[in-house]
Protein backbone atom coordinates (compact mmCIF):
# COMPACT_ATOMS: atom_id res chain seq x y z
CA MET A 1 -30.92 25.22 50.37
CA THR A 2 -31.66 22.14 48.30
CA GLN A 3 -30.27 18.81 49.44
CA ILE A 4 -30.10 16.09 46.81
CA SER A 5 -29.62 12.40 47.44
CA PHE A 6 -30.13 9.13 45.63
CA ALA A 7 -33.45 7.48 46.37
CA THR A 8 -33.59 4.30 48.43
CA PRO A 9 -36.15 1.49 48.47
CA GLN A 10 -37.89 3.31 51.32
CA ASP A 11 -38.66 6.15 48.88
CA VAL A 12 -40.89 4.16 46.49
CA HIS A 13 -44.15 5.73 47.76
CA LEU A 14 -42.60 9.20 47.44
CA ILE A 15 -41.40 8.40 43.90
CA GLN A 16 -44.89 7.13 43.09
CA ALA A 17 -46.38 10.41 44.33
CA PHE A 18 -43.93 12.45 42.22
CA ILE A 19 -44.75 10.35 39.14
CA GLU A 20 -48.45 10.95 39.72
CA GLY A 21 -47.70 14.67 40.14
CA ILE A 22 -45.83 14.97 36.86
CA ALA A 23 -48.50 12.90 35.09
CA GLU A 24 -51.19 15.25 36.38
CA TYR A 25 -49.19 18.31 35.29
CA GLU A 26 -48.67 16.81 31.82
CA LYS A 27 -52.36 15.82 31.59
CA LEU A 28 -51.34 12.16 31.31
CA SER A 29 -52.69 10.70 34.57
CA HIS A 30 -54.75 8.20 32.58
CA GLU A 31 -51.51 6.60 31.34
CA VAL A 32 -49.93 5.89 34.73
CA GLU A 33 -49.59 2.16 35.41
CA THR A 34 -46.86 2.58 38.01
CA THR A 35 -47.19 1.03 41.46
CA PRO A 36 -44.80 1.06 44.42
CA ASP A 37 -44.22 -2.69 43.90
CA LYS A 38 -43.26 -2.14 40.25
CA LEU A 39 -40.94 0.70 41.27
CA LEU A 40 -39.33 -1.43 43.94
CA LYS A 41 -38.61 -4.17 41.39
CA THR A 42 -37.45 -1.96 38.50
CA LEU A 43 -35.50 0.66 40.48
CA PHE A 44 -34.09 -1.37 43.36
CA GLY A 45 -34.41 -5.01 42.31
CA GLU A 46 -31.90 -7.50 40.97
CA ARG A 47 -31.38 -5.39 37.82
CA PRO A 48 -32.11 -1.69 38.40
CA TYR A 49 -33.21 -0.04 35.16
CA ALA A 50 -33.11 3.58 36.32
CA GLU A 51 -31.94 5.79 39.16
CA VAL A 52 -33.72 8.51 41.08
CA LEU A 53 -32.51 11.68 42.75
CA ILE A 54 -34.69 13.25 45.42
CA ALA A 55 -34.54 16.98 46.18
CA ARG A 56 -35.36 18.09 49.70
CA ASP A 57 -35.74 21.52 51.26
CA LEU A 58 -35.18 21.35 55.03
CA GLU A 59 -35.77 17.58 54.81
CA VAL A 60 -39.13 18.09 53.03
CA PRO A 61 -39.21 16.23 49.68
CA VAL A 62 -39.85 18.79 46.93
CA GLY A 63 -38.92 17.09 43.66
CA PHE A 64 -37.20 14.29 41.82
CA ALA A 65 -35.26 13.37 38.72
CA LEU A 66 -35.48 9.87 37.24
CA PHE A 67 -32.76 8.92 34.75
CA PHE A 68 -31.00 6.01 33.11
CA HIS A 69 -28.01 5.38 30.89
CA ASN A 70 -28.12 5.18 27.12
CA TYR A 71 -25.25 4.92 24.66
CA SER A 72 -23.93 7.08 21.83
CA THR A 73 -22.42 5.07 19.01
CA PHE A 74 -21.07 8.25 17.41
CA ARG A 75 -19.21 9.24 20.58
CA ALA A 76 -18.56 5.69 21.88
CA LYS A 77 -19.63 6.89 25.30
CA PRO A 78 -22.49 6.31 27.65
CA GLY A 79 -25.05 9.05 28.07
CA ILE A 80 -27.78 9.90 30.49
CA TYR A 81 -31.42 10.10 29.52
CA LEU A 82 -33.48 12.25 31.86
CA GLU A 83 -36.91 10.64 31.89
CA ASP A 84 -38.54 12.96 34.44
CA LEU A 85 -37.61 16.10 36.31
CA PHE A 86 -40.40 17.38 38.53
CA VAL A 87 -40.71 19.87 41.37
CA LEU A 88 -43.95 20.22 43.31
CA PRO A 89 -45.82 23.35 42.16
CA GLU A 90 -45.65 25.03 45.57
CA HIS A 91 -41.85 24.67 45.61
CA ARG A 92 -41.08 25.94 42.10
CA GLY A 93 -39.01 29.05 41.50
CA LYS A 94 -36.71 28.33 44.46
CA GLY A 95 -33.87 26.67 42.55
CA HIS A 96 -34.76 23.04 43.29
CA GLY A 97 -35.18 22.10 39.61
CA LYS A 98 -31.88 23.76 38.75
CA ALA A 99 -30.18 21.94 41.62
CA LEU A 100 -31.51 18.58 40.38
CA PHE A 101 -30.45 19.37 36.82
CA MET A 102 -26.95 20.48 37.83
CA LYS A 103 -26.49 17.41 40.05
CA LEU A 104 -27.43 15.21 37.12
CA LEU A 105 -24.91 17.00 34.90
CA ASP A 106 -22.27 16.42 37.58
CA ILE A 107 -23.15 12.71 37.66
CA ALA A 108 -22.90 12.54 33.86
CA ARG A 109 -19.44 14.14 33.95
CA GLU A 110 -18.26 11.89 36.80
CA ARG A 111 -19.39 8.80 34.87
CA GLY A 112 -17.66 9.87 31.65
CA CYS A 113 -20.87 10.44 29.71
CA GLY A 114 -20.79 12.16 26.36
CA ARG A 115 -24.22 13.79 26.58
CA MET A 116 -27.46 14.13 28.45
CA GLU A 117 -30.79 14.06 26.63
CA TRP A 118 -34.48 14.33 27.42
CA SER A 119 -37.83 15.15 25.86
CA VAL A 120 -40.22 17.98 26.62
CA LEU A 121 -43.85 18.25 25.57
CA ASP A 122 -44.24 20.95 22.91
CA TRP A 123 -46.79 22.89 24.97
CA ASN A 124 -44.67 22.96 28.15
CA LYS A 125 -43.22 26.44 27.69
CA PRO A 126 -42.03 26.79 31.31
CA ALA A 127 -39.94 23.60 30.97
CA ILE A 128 -38.65 24.58 27.52
CA ASP A 129 -37.63 28.00 28.82
CA PHE A 130 -35.96 26.39 31.85
CA TYR A 131 -33.87 24.05 29.68
CA LEU A 132 -32.95 26.78 27.20
CA ASN A 133 -31.82 28.89 30.15
CA MET A 134 -29.64 25.98 31.28
CA GLY A 135 -27.86 26.03 27.90
CA ALA A 136 -29.68 23.12 26.26
CA LYS A 137 -30.28 23.03 22.52
CA PRO A 138 -33.50 21.61 21.05
CA MET A 139 -33.09 18.73 18.62
CA ASP A 140 -35.81 19.91 16.23
CA GLU A 141 -34.59 17.77 13.35
CA TRP A 142 -35.43 14.52 15.21
CA THR A 143 -38.83 12.90 15.58
CA THR A 144 -39.52 10.69 18.58
CA PHE A 145 -41.09 7.32 17.86
CA ARG A 146 -42.62 4.84 20.28
CA ILE A 147 -44.17 1.42 20.37
CA THR A 148 -46.04 0.63 23.57
CA LEU A 149 -45.90 -3.03 24.57
């Protein structure tokens, strides 16, 4: 059975490890600039910019979801942007990812959000299939843009 809780400052090294795990899976390890000190400041400092859920199986950390609020002008409601959802490879297929996803949907409903959004790499068929199975609809008519500072 998956237990899900909000991360605490004591979890920054665990969060760092999960971020490194997802970066490795996505073949983006070379882009990781995250450190536990940066996580401590940006997740638990004076102005937290995101929140983290930790999934545990019998108290063993198995995955995480990092998210933050955005805003829909068309709906005049806050939303949730799911930045990362990751379950360690050896713990996949046991419902931990689904539990994290459903908990995040519950949080979005409790907070009066109008939607939840995220991005998936085009080649990540297992993730795409997972989200389609959860009832998500791809937003194929939108193109993501980015400027790195």
